[in-house]
Every structure is written in structure tokens, then in C-alpha cells.
């Protein structure tokens, strides 16, 4: 549909140009535990947390370093939160005399990163079924 609209517009406006820009995107890599089949397996989802469009690559690259600092801070915070969660679960199990297999495998900590591109990156969601 979008290509049809673009072609129709180009027929009316013969000198039409595509807008140019660069996106700085804060991305999150979210691991998940798929299940105990074949000894357990892991996958991950990738989502866009936030993004901003810049008119030039130079401006996007300048913003990238600041967003990378934020991404590193978010990764550290998530690692700590994940560790705290695992500690609380361990203490809960020990208080009840239960084995660690009593609870499901935790999914894992997220990792945040930054990308600069001329289009928005694709989000991806892994398959939760073992094949």
C-alpha cells in the first residue's frame, strides 16, 4: 500500500524526494527461558524502548554517545534487579526447605544497547515453542 501511495504521489509531484534522516534507537535485548526440553534452551526478544530522528548522521552520532551512557546504566540496573530477584527466590526456597527446581527457571537480565540507522530497526520476538 505504501509503495502505491508513493508512486501516486510521484506521478503528481514529479520532483518528489524521500525525506532523509537517521534514527538513534535505544534497544532492549530480553532473554527468556524456553523450557526444559533437550536440557533447556534460551531465546531472546528485541524491542525498541525509544527512538529519535535526526536530520543528519553527525547529529545522530553525537546523540549516540549520550544514549550509550544511558543504555549502560539501564543494563547495570537490570542486572542488579535480576540478582536481587534471584536472591529473594533463593531465600524463600531455603526458608521452606525447598529445592531450586520448585520454581521455574528465571528468564534472565535484559541488556540495553544503542543503534544508529537510516530507518527504524525491526523488533523481534523469539519462538516460545521448542522445535
Protein backbone atom coordinates (compact mmCIF):
# COMPACT_ATOMS: atom_id res chain seq x y z
CA UNK A 1 0.00 0.00 0.00
CA UNK A 2 2.79 2.43 0.92
CA UNK A 3 4.59 1.90 -2.42
CA UNK A 4 1.31 2.53 -4.30
CA UNK A 5 0.82 5.79 -2.41
CA UNK A 6 4.41 6.83 -3.08
CA UNK A 7 4.06 6.07 -6.80
CA UNK A 8 0.79 8.01 -6.98
CA UNK A 9 2.38 10.97 -5.26
CA UNK A 10 5.38 10.81 -7.61
CA UNK A 11 3.06 10.98 -10.63
CA UNK A 12 1.58 14.23 -9.33
CA UNK A 13 4.80 15.71 -7.96
CA UNK A 14 7.47 14.83 -10.49
CA UNK A 15 10.37 16.11 -8.38
CA UNK A 16 9.36 14.45 -5.12
CA UNK A 17 12.17 13.39 -2.83
CA UNK A 18 12.23 10.99 0.06
CA UNK A 19 12.88 12.58 3.44
CA UNK A 20 16.29 11.67 4.81
CA UNK A 21 17.08 11.17 8.43
CA UNK A 22 18.85 8.99 10.91
CA UNK A 23 17.39 7.28 13.94
CA UNK A 24 19.06 6.82 17.29
CA UNK A 25 17.28 3.91 18.94
CA UNK A 26 17.57 2.60 22.47
CA UNK A 27 17.08 -1.16 22.19
CA UNK A 28 16.45 -3.86 24.78
CA UNK A 29 17.56 -7.46 24.41
CA UNK A 30 15.25 -9.52 26.64
CA UNK A 31 16.27 -13.14 27.27
CA UNK A 32 13.76 -15.84 28.07
CA UNK A 33 13.98 -19.45 29.12
CA UNK A 34 12.20 -21.58 26.57
CA UNK A 35 11.76 -24.74 28.58
CA UNK A 36 13.42 -27.89 29.87
CA UNK A 37 13.31 -29.75 26.55
CA UNK A 38 16.72 -31.03 25.45
CA UNK A 39 18.30 -29.77 28.67
CA UNK A 40 16.79 -26.28 28.49
CA UNK A 41 17.06 -23.61 25.86
CA UNK A 42 17.14 -19.85 25.70
CA UNK A 43 15.90 -17.26 23.27
CA UNK A 44 15.56 -13.51 23.24
CA UNK A 45 13.24 -10.74 22.17
CA UNK A 46 14.47 -7.42 20.88
CA UNK A 47 12.35 -4.32 21.34
CA UNK A 48 12.67 -0.62 20.69
CA UNK A 49 12.48 1.23 24.01
CA UNK A 50 12.64 4.72 22.47
CA UNK A 51 13.99 6.48 19.41
CA UNK A 52 14.56 9.91 17.94
CA UNK A 53 15.03 11.00 14.33
CA UNK A 54 17.88 13.38 13.47
CA UNK A 55 18.31 15.27 10.19
CA UNK A 56 22.00 14.34 9.83
CA UNK A 57 24.27 11.43 10.62
CA UNK A 58 26.61 13.76 12.51
CA UNK A 59 23.81 14.81 14.88
CA UNK A 60 22.72 11.20 15.35
CA UNK A 61 26.28 10.09 16.15
CA UNK A 62 26.64 12.94 18.66
CA UNK A 63 23.48 11.83 20.46
CA UNK A 64 24.51 8.17 20.31
CA UNK A 65 27.28 8.51 22.91
CA UNK A 66 24.89 10.06 25.45
CA UNK A 67 22.30 7.35 24.84
CA UNK A 68 25.02 4.70 25.20
CA UNK A 69 25.71 6.02 28.70
CA UNK A 70 22.01 5.62 29.50
CA UNK A 71 21.97 2.10 27.98
CA UNK A 72 24.93 1.07 30.17
CA UNK A 73 23.21 2.45 33.29
CA UNK A 74 19.98 0.62 32.44
CA UNK A 75 21.87 -2.64 31.89
CA UNK A 76 23.60 -2.30 35.27
CA UNK A 77 20.27 -1.51 36.99
CA UNK A 78 18.59 -4.51 35.37
CA UNK A 79 21.49 -6.81 36.31
CA UNK A 80 21.16 -5.67 39.94
CA UNK A 81 17.36 -6.08 39.92
CA UNK A 82 17.75 -9.57 38.44
CA UNK A 83 20.31 -10.51 41.10
CA UNK A 84 18.05 -9.18 43.85
CA UNK A 85 15.13 -11.17 42.44
CA UNK A 86 17.19 -14.39 42.37
CA UNK A 87 18.39 -13.75 45.93
CA UNK A 88 14.81 -13.28 47.18
CA UNK A 89 13.77 -16.51 45.45
CA UNK A 90 16.70 -18.42 46.97
CA UNK A 91 15.91 -17.11 50.44
CA UNK A 92 12.23 -18.02 50.00
CA UNK A 93 13.15 -21.57 48.94
CA UNK A 94 15.65 -22.01 51.79
CA UNK A 95 13.12 -20.78 54.38
CA UNK A 96 10.76 -23.52 53.24
CA UNK A 97 13.36 -26.25 52.73
CA UNK A 98 12.54 -26.49 49.02
CA UNK A 99 14.85 -27.43 46.16
CA UNK A 100 15.58 -24.83 43.48
CA UNK A 101 13.68 -26.94 40.94
CA UNK A 102 10.47 -25.98 42.80
CA UNK A 103 10.37 -22.63 40.96
CA UNK A 104 10.53 -22.12 37.19
CA UNK A 105 13.82 -21.07 35.61
CA UNK A 106 14.09 -17.25 35.66
CA UNK A 107 14.29 -15.55 32.29
CA UNK A 108 17.48 -13.56 32.79
CA UNK A 109 18.57 -9.95 32.80
CA UNK A 110 17.96 -7.52 29.97
CA UNK A 111 20.75 -5.81 28.07
CA UNK A 112 20.30 -2.36 26.59
CA UNK A 113 22.16 -1.03 23.57
CA UNK A 114 22.01 1.75 21.00
CA UNK A 115 21.90 1.68 17.24
CA UNK A 116 22.04 4.42 14.61
CA UNK A 117 20.40 3.71 11.28
CA UNK A 118 18.57 5.38 8.41
CA UNK A 119 15.38 3.50 9.31
CA UNK A 120 13.86 2.16 12.48
CA UNK A 121 15.29 -1.22 13.45
CA UNK A 122 13.00 -4.22 13.48
CA UNK A 123 11.71 -5.58 16.74
CA UNK A 124 11.90 -9.35 17.03
CA UNK A 125 10.14 -11.85 19.22
CA UNK A 126 11.52 -15.34 19.61
CA UNK A 127 9.57 -18.55 19.35
CA UNK A 128 8.48 -19.87 22.73
CA UNK A 129 7.95 -23.41 21.43
CA UNK A 130 10.71 -25.95 21.24
CA UNK A 131 11.08 -27.39 17.74
